[in-house]
Each structure stands twice: as structure tokens, then as C-alpha cells.
């Protein structure tokens, strides 16, 4: 069974200005996709895809509330 390891520890706020935060998401050594976080929202691009799915923060919050 594949394992996932995600570690991020930040003890203070980091303002996202003009530079987005990009996180590669992997299962083992296999790239699943890339999550990009910006002031405007989040983008998900599957591995090797040309386009991404973009959500503004309001839509992202709405989508996450539906999961609960």
C-alpha cells in the first residue's frame, strides 16, 4: 500500500505576495500533480497535464464544506 508523507511546519504567517507557492504532490516517487496557492485561490494541475483546475477562495471553501 502506498504511503504519503507531508511535512510542513510554519511557526509564523507568511504573506503570499506576487509569488505563488507551488507544491508537488507525490505518491511515493510518482507525481500525482501540482497544487499552486496564490492570493486569488488554488490551482490543481494533474501530472503531465497542460491545463489546471482553478478555484477562487470562496469556491474552494464552498467545495470543502460539501465534503464535511
PDB file of N, CA and C in Angstrom:
ATOM      1  N   UNK A   1       0.852  -1.177   0.000  1.00  0.00           N
ATOM      2  CA  UNK A   1       0.000   0.000   0.000  1.00  0.00           C
ATOM      3  C   UNK A   1       0.895   1.236   0.000  1.00  0.00           C
ATOM      4  N   UNK A   2       0.620   2.208  -0.876  1.00  0.00           N
ATOM      5  CA  UNK A   2       1.444   3.411  -0.912  1.00  0.00           C
ATOM      6  C   UNK A   2       1.292   4.244   0.356  1.00  0.00           C
ATOM      7  N   UNK A   3       2.342   4.903   0.715  1.00  0.00           N
ATOM      8  CA  UNK A   3       2.274   5.806   1.859  1.00  0.00           C
ATOM      9  C   UNK A   3       2.492   7.231   1.381  1.00  0.00           C
ATOM     10  N   UNK A   4       1.892   8.147   2.083  1.00  0.00           N
ATOM     11  CA  UNK A   4       2.035   9.558   1.775  1.00  0.00           C
ATOM     12  C   UNK A   4       2.689  10.231   2.972  1.00  0.00           C
ATOM     13  N   UNK A   5       3.623  11.092   2.718  1.00  0.00           N
ATOM     14  CA  UNK A   5       4.271  11.854   3.777  1.00  0.00           C
ATOM     15  C   UNK A   5       4.202  13.329   3.403  1.00  0.00           C
ATOM     16  N   UNK A   6       3.600  14.115   4.265  1.00  0.00           N
ATOM     17  CA  UNK A   6       3.519  15.554   4.045  1.00  0.00           C
ATOM     18  C   UNK A   6       3.962  16.229   5.334  1.00  0.00           C
ATOM     19  N   UNK A   7       4.987  17.011   5.253  1.00  0.00           N
ATOM     20  CA  UNK A   7       5.500  17.731   6.417  1.00  0.00           C
ATOM     21  C   UNK A   7       5.649  19.197   6.072  1.00  0.00           C
ATOM     22  N   UNK A   8       5.021  20.030   6.874  1.00  0.00           N
ATOM     23  CA  UNK A   8       5.169  21.471   6.727  1.00  0.00           C
ATOM     24  C   UNK A   8       4.928  22.088   8.086  1.00  0.00           C
ATOM     25  N   UNK A   9       5.933  22.737   8.625  1.00  0.00           N
ATOM     26  CA  UNK A   9       5.792  23.370   9.921  1.00  0.00           C
ATOM     27  C   UNK A   9       6.197  24.828   9.779  1.00  0.00           C
ATOM     28  N   UNK A  10       5.246  25.712  10.026  1.00  0.00           N
ATOM     29  CA  UNK A  10       5.498  27.140   9.943  1.00  0.00           C
ATOM     30  C   UNK A  10       5.013  27.753  11.250  1.00  0.00           C
ATOM     31  N   UNK A  11       5.900  28.418  11.941  1.00  0.00           N
ATOM     32  CA  UNK A  11       5.530  28.975  13.234  1.00  0.00           C
ATOM     33  C   UNK A  11       5.031  30.413  13.141  1.00  0.00           C
ATOM     34  N   UNK A  12       4.988  30.965  11.929  1.00  0.00           N
ATOM     35  CA  UNK A  12       4.518  32.334  11.753  1.00  0.00           C
ATOM     36  C   UNK A  12       3.850  32.474  10.388  1.00  0.00           C
ATOM     37  N   UNK A  13       3.075  33.506  10.232  1.00  0.00           N
ATOM     38  CA  UNK A  13       2.376  33.743   8.973  1.00  0.00           C
ATOM     39  C   UNK A  13       3.366  34.120   7.877  1.00  0.00           C
ATOM     40  N   UNK A  14       3.058  33.674   6.672  1.00  0.00           N
ATOM     41  CA  UNK A  14       3.860  34.029   5.512  1.00  0.00           C
ATOM     42  C   UNK A  14       2.914  34.654   4.495  1.00  0.00           C
ATOM     43  N   UNK A  15       3.135  35.917   4.189  1.00  0.00           N
ATOM     44  CA  UNK A  15       2.276  36.608   3.228  1.00  0.00           C
ATOM     45  C   UNK A  15       2.591  36.126   1.818  1.00  0.00           C
ATOM     46  N   UNK A  16       1.543  35.818   1.074  1.00  0.00           N
ATOM     47  CA  UNK A  16       1.715  35.438  -0.326  1.00  0.00           C
ATOM     48  C   UNK A  16       1.529  36.695  -1.152  1.00  0.00           C
ATOM     49  N   UNK A  17       2.609  37.208  -1.653  1.00  0.00           N
ATOM     50  CA  UNK A  17       2.560  38.432  -2.444  1.00  0.00           C
ATOM     51  C   UNK A  17       2.437  38.106  -3.908  1.00  0.00           C
ATOM     52  N   UNK A  18       3.400  38.547  -4.669  1.00  0.00           N
ATOM     53  CA  UNK A  18       3.383  38.327  -6.104  1.00  0.00           C
ATOM     54  C   UNK A  18       3.930  36.974  -6.529  1.00  0.00           C
ATOM     55  N   UNK A  19       4.394  36.170  -5.564  1.00  0.00           N
ATOM     56  CA  UNK A  19       4.972  34.874  -5.883  1.00  0.00           C
ATOM     57  C   UNK A  19       4.075  33.782  -5.308  1.00  0.00           C
ATOM     58  N   UNK A  20       3.604  32.881  -6.160  1.00  0.00           N
ATOM     59  CA  UNK A  20       2.744  31.784  -5.719  1.00  0.00           C
ATOM     60  C   UNK A  20       3.568  30.711  -5.025  1.00  0.00           C
ATOM     61  N   UNK A  21       2.888  29.902  -4.228  1.00  0.00           N
ATOM     62  CA  UNK A  21       3.510  28.742  -3.594  1.00  0.00           C
ATOM     63  C   UNK A  21       3.102  27.520  -4.406  1.00  0.00           C
ATOM     64  N   UNK A  22       4.068  26.744  -4.843  1.00  0.00           N
ATOM     65  CA  UNK A  22       3.796  25.561  -5.652  1.00  0.00           C
ATOM     66  C   UNK A  22       4.264  24.328  -4.899  1.00  0.00           C
ATOM     67  N   UNK A  23       3.348  23.361  -4.742  1.00  0.00           N
ATOM     68  CA  UNK A  23       3.652  22.136  -4.016  1.00  0.00           C
ATOM     69  C   UNK A  23       3.469  20.924  -4.929  1.00  0.00           C
ATOM     70  N   UNK A  24       4.541  20.202  -5.221  1.00  0.00           N
ATOM     71  CA  UNK A  24       4.374  18.952  -5.955  1.00  0.00           C
ATOM     72  C   UNK A  24       3.758  17.915  -5.014  1.00  0.00           C
ATOM     73  N   UNK A  25       2.786  17.171  -5.495  1.00  0.00           N
ATOM     74  CA  UNK A  25       2.109  16.151  -4.695  1.00  0.00           C
ATOM     75  C   UNK A  25       2.469  14.791  -5.279  1.00  0.00           C
ATOM     76  N   UNK A  26       3.037  13.942  -4.436  1.00  0.00           N
ATOM     77  CA  UNK A  26       3.528  12.646  -4.900  1.00  0.00           C
ATOM     78  C   UNK A  26       2.950  11.505  -4.073  1.00  0.00           C
ATOM     79  N   UNK A  27       2.829  10.384  -4.715  1.00  0.00           N
ATOM     80  CA  UNK A  27       2.543   9.119  -4.032  1.00  0.00           C
ATOM     81  C   UNK A  27       3.784   8.283  -4.254  1.00  0.00           C
ATOM     82  N   UNK A  28       4.559   8.153  -3.191  1.00  0.00           N
ATOM     83  CA  UNK A  28       5.860   7.502  -3.348  1.00  0.00           C
ATOM     84  C   UNK A  28       6.729   8.371  -4.235  1.00  0.00           C
ATOM     85  N   UNK A  29       7.200   7.812  -5.336  1.00  0.00           N
ATOM     86  CA  UNK A  29       8.025   8.582  -6.275  1.00  0.00           C
ATOM     87  C   UNK A  29       7.225   9.116  -7.449  1.00  0.00           C
ATOM     88  N   UNK A  30       5.936   8.750  -7.519  1.00  0.00           N
ATOM     89  CA  UNK A  30       5.096   9.130  -8.650  1.00  0.00           C
ATOM     90  C   UNK A  30       4.438  10.483  -8.417  1.00  0.00           C
ATOM     91  N   UNK A  31       4.617  11.397  -9.336  1.00  0.00           N
ATOM     92  CA  UNK A  31       3.995  12.705  -9.254  1.00  0.00           C
ATOM     93  C   UNK A  31       2.516  12.582  -9.590  1.00  0.00           C
ATOM     94  N   UNK A  32       1.648  12.988  -8.649  1.00  0.00           N
ATOM     95  CA  UNK A  32       0.206  12.986  -8.890  1.00  0.00           C
ATOM     96  C   UNK A  32      -0.240  14.285  -9.544  1.00  0.00           C
ATOM     97  N   UNK A  33       0.402  15.382  -9.133  1.00  0.00           N
ATOM     98  CA  UNK A  33       0.052  16.679  -9.680  1.00  0.00           C
ATOM     99  C   UNK A  33       0.730  17.786  -8.907  1.00  0.00           C
ATOM    100  N   UNK A  34       0.325  19.016  -9.212  1.00  0.00           N
ATOM    101  CA  UNK A  34       0.909  20.190  -8.572  1.00  0.00           C
ATOM    102  C   UNK A  34      -0.197  21.083  -8.045  1.00  0.00           C
ATOM    103  N   UNK A  35      -0.090  21.448  -6.783  1.00  0.00           N
ATOM    104  CA  UNK A  35      -1.026  22.367  -6.149  1.00  0.00           C
ATOM    105  C   UNK A  35      -0.348  23.729  -6.061  1.00  0.00           C
ATOM    106  N   UNK A  36      -0.997  24.748  -6.605  1.00  0.00           N
ATOM    107  CA  UNK A  36      -0.457  26.103  -6.555  1.00  0.00           C
ATOM    108  C   UNK A  36      -1.398  26.960  -5.720  1.00  0.00           C
ATOM    109  N   UNK A  37      -0.833  27.656  -4.751  1.00  0.00           N
ATOM    110  CA  UNK A  37      -1.595  28.515  -3.849  1.00  0.00           C
ATOM    111  C   UNK A  37      -1.211  29.961  -4.136  1.00  0.00           C
ATOM    112  N   UNK A  38      -2.232  30.802  -4.331  1.00  0.00           N
ATOM    113  CA  UNK A  38      -1.971  32.211  -4.604  1.00  0.00           C
ATOM    114  C   UNK A  38      -2.958  33.068  -3.824  1.00  0.00           C
ATOM    115  N   UNK A  39      -2.803  34.364  -3.929  1.00  0.00           N
ATOM    116  CA  UNK A  39      -3.751  35.261  -3.266  1.00  0.00           C
ATOM    117  C   UNK A  39      -5.154  35.090  -3.823  1.00  0.00           C
ATOM    118  N   UNK A  40      -5.272  34.708  -5.080  1.00  0.00           N
ATOM    119  CA  UNK A  40      -6.570  34.581  -5.725  1.00  0.00           C
ATOM    120  C   UNK A  40      -7.282  33.263  -5.484  1.00  0.00           C
ATOM    121  N   UNK A  41      -6.542  32.221  -5.106  1.00  0.00           N
ATOM    122  CA  UNK A  41      -7.159  30.920  -4.891  1.00  0.00           C
ATOM    123  C   UNK A  41      -6.164  29.798  -5.037  1.00  0.00           C
ATOM    124  N   UNK A  42      -6.662  28.635  -5.451  1.00  0.00           N
ATOM    125  CA  UNK A  42      -5.817  27.456  -5.617  1.00  0.00           C
ATOM    126  C   UNK A  42      -5.993  26.896  -7.023  1.00  0.00           C
ATOM    127  N   UNK A  43      -4.930  26.300  -7.538  1.00  0.00           N
ATOM    128  CA  UNK A  43      -4.951  25.636  -8.836  1.00  0.00           C
ATOM    129  C   UNK A  43      -4.426  24.222  -8.659  1.00  0.00           C
ATOM    130  N   UNK A  44      -5.060  23.262  -9.315  1.00  0.00           N
ATOM    131  CA  UNK A  44      -4.587  21.881  -9.317  1.00  0.00           C
ATOM    132  C   UNK A  44      -4.296  21.483 -10.759  1.00  0.00           C
ATOM    133  N   UNK A  45      -3.097  21.020 -10.994  1.00  0.00           N
ATOM    134  CA  UNK A  45      -2.719  20.529 -12.320  1.00  0.00           C
ATOM    135  C   UNK A  45      -2.245  19.095 -12.168  1.00  0.00           C
ATOM    136  N   UNK A  46      -2.959  18.168 -12.806  1.00  0.00           N
ATOM    137  CA  UNK A  46      -2.549  16.764 -12.784  1.00  0.00           C
ATOM    138  C   UNK A  46      -1.174  16.635 -13.420  1.00  0.00           C
ATOM    139  N   UNK A  47      -0.473  15.599 -13.027  1.00  0.00           N
ATOM    140  CA  UNK A  47       0.851  15.346 -13.589  1.00  0.00           C
ATOM    141  C   UNK A  47       0.765  15.264 -15.105  1.00  0.00           C
ATOM    142  N   UNK A  48       1.648  15.956 -15.760  1.00  0.00           N
ATOM    143  CA  UNK A  48       1.792  15.947 -17.219  1.00  0.00           C
ATOM    144  C   UNK A  48       0.598  16.555 -17.961  1.00  0.00           C
ATOM    145  N   UNK A  49      -0.306  17.221 -17.255  1.00  0.00           N
ATOM    146  CA  UNK A  49      -1.447  17.878 -17.916  1.00  0.00           C
ATOM    147  C   UNK A  49      -1.034  19.254 -18.398  1.00  0.00           C
ATOM    148  N   UNK A  50      -1.705  19.751 -19.409  1.00  0.00           N
ATOM    149  CA  UNK A  50      -1.405  21.082 -19.938  1.00  0.00           C
ATOM    150  C   UNK A  50      -2.199  22.168 -19.241  1.00  0.00           C
ATOM    151  N   UNK A  51      -3.388  21.822 -18.749  1.00  0.00           N
ATOM    152  CA  UNK A  51      -4.229  22.831 -18.106  1.00  0.00           C
ATOM    153  C   UNK A  51      -4.482  22.451 -16.649  1.00  0.00           C
ATOM    154  N   UNK A  52      -4.980  23.407 -15.905  1.00  0.00           N
ATOM    155  CA  UNK A  52      -5.244  23.173 -14.489  1.00  0.00           C
ATOM    156  C   UNK A  52      -6.676  23.551 -14.147  1.00  0.00           C
ATOM    157  N   UNK A  53      -7.123  23.090 -12.986  1.00  0.00           N
ATOM    158  CA  UNK A  53      -8.426  23.449 -12.441  1.00  0.00           C
ATOM    159  C   UNK A  53      -8.182  24.569 -11.437  1.00  0.00           C
ATOM    160  N   UNK A  54      -8.861  25.694 -11.615  1.00  0.00           N
ATOM    161  CA  UNK A  54      -8.668  26.850 -10.736  1.00  0.00           C
ATOM    162  C   UNK A  54      -9.919  27.111  -9.920  1.00  0.00           C
ATOM    163  N   UNK A  55      -9.722  27.382  -8.638  1.00  0.00           N
ATOM    164  CA  UNK A  55     -10.824  27.744  -7.746  1.00  0.00           C
ATOM    165  C   UNK A  55     -10.443  28.998  -6.978  1.00  0.00           C
ATOM    166  N   UNK A  56     -11.346  29.983  -6.930  1.00  0.00           N
ATOM    167  CA  UNK A  56     -11.084  31.121  -6.059  1.00  0.00           C
ATOM    168  C   UNK A  56     -11.357  30.664  -4.626  1.00  0.00           C
ATOM    169  N   UNK A  57     -10.993  31.474  -3.654  1.00  0.00           N
ATOM    170  CA  UNK A  57     -11.097  31.050  -2.260  1.00  0.00           C
ATOM    171  C   UNK A  57     -12.536  30.784  -1.829  1.00  0.00           C
ATOM    172  N   UNK A  58     -13.487  31.571  -2.300  1.00  0.00           N
ATOM    173  CA  UNK A  58     -14.888  31.363  -1.935  1.00  0.00           C
ATOM    174  C   UNK A  58     -15.380  30.014  -2.475  1.00  0.00           C
ATOM    175  N   UNK A  59     -15.052  29.704  -3.729  1.00  0.00           N
ATOM    176  CA  UNK A  59     -15.467  28.440  -4.334  1.00  0.00           C
ATOM    177  C   UNK A  59     -14.768  27.264  -3.658  1.00  0.00           C
ATOM    178  N   UNK A  60     -13.495  27.435  -3.317  1.00  0.00           N
ATOM    179  CA  UNK A  60     -12.752  26.388  -2.629  1.00  0.00           C
ATOM    180  C   UNK A  60     -13.386  26.091  -1.269  1.00  0.00           C
ATOM    181  N   UNK A  61     -13.731  27.150  -0.516  1.00  0.00           N
ATOM    182  CA  UNK A  61     -14.358  26.974   0.799  1.00  0.00           C
ATOM    183  C   UNK A  61     -15.704  26.258   0.665  1.00  0.00           C
ATOM    184  N   UNK A  62     -16.453  26.634  -0.341  1.00  0.00           N
ATOM    185  CA  UNK A  62     -17.755  26.011  -0.601  1.00  0.00           C
ATOM    186  C   UNK A  62     -17.581  24.512  -0.920  1.00  0.00           C
ATOM    187  N   UNK A  63     -16.609  24.208  -1.749  1.00  0.00           N
ATOM    188  CA  UNK A  63     -16.345  22.822  -2.116  1.00  0.00           C
ATOM    189  C   UNK A  63     -15.907  21.995  -0.892  1.00  0.00           C
ATOM    190  N   UNK A  64     -15.065  22.566  -0.050  1.00  0.00           N
ATOM    191  CA  UNK A  64     -14.597  21.859   1.133  1.00  0.00           C
ATOM    192  C   UNK A  64     -15.736  21.660   2.151  1.00  0.00           C
ATOM    193  N   UNK A  65     -16.653  22.596   2.239  1.00  0.00           N
ATOM    194  CA  UNK A  65     -17.786  22.473   3.150  1.00  0.00           C
ATOM    195  C   UNK A  65     -18.690  21.313   2.724  1.00  0.00           C
ATOM    196  N   UNK A  66     -18.759  21.037   1.428  1.00  0.00           N
ATOM    197  CA  UNK A  66     -19.580  19.933   0.925  1.00  0.00           C
ATOM    198  C   UNK A  66     -18.991  18.584   1.312  1.00  0.00           C
ATOM    199  N   UNK A  67     -17.689  18.507   1.530  1.00  0.00           N
ATOM    200  CA  UNK A  67     -17.014  17.265   1.889  1.00  0.00           C
ATOM    201  C   UNK A  67     -17.376  16.853   3.312  1.00  0.00           C
ATOM    202  N   UNK A  68     -17.604  17.830   4.157  1.00  0.00           N
ATOM    203  CA  UNK A  68     -17.892  17.573   5.567  1.00  0.00           C
ATOM    204  C   UNK A  68     -19.178  16.903   5.713  1.00  0.00           C
TER     205      UNK A  68
END
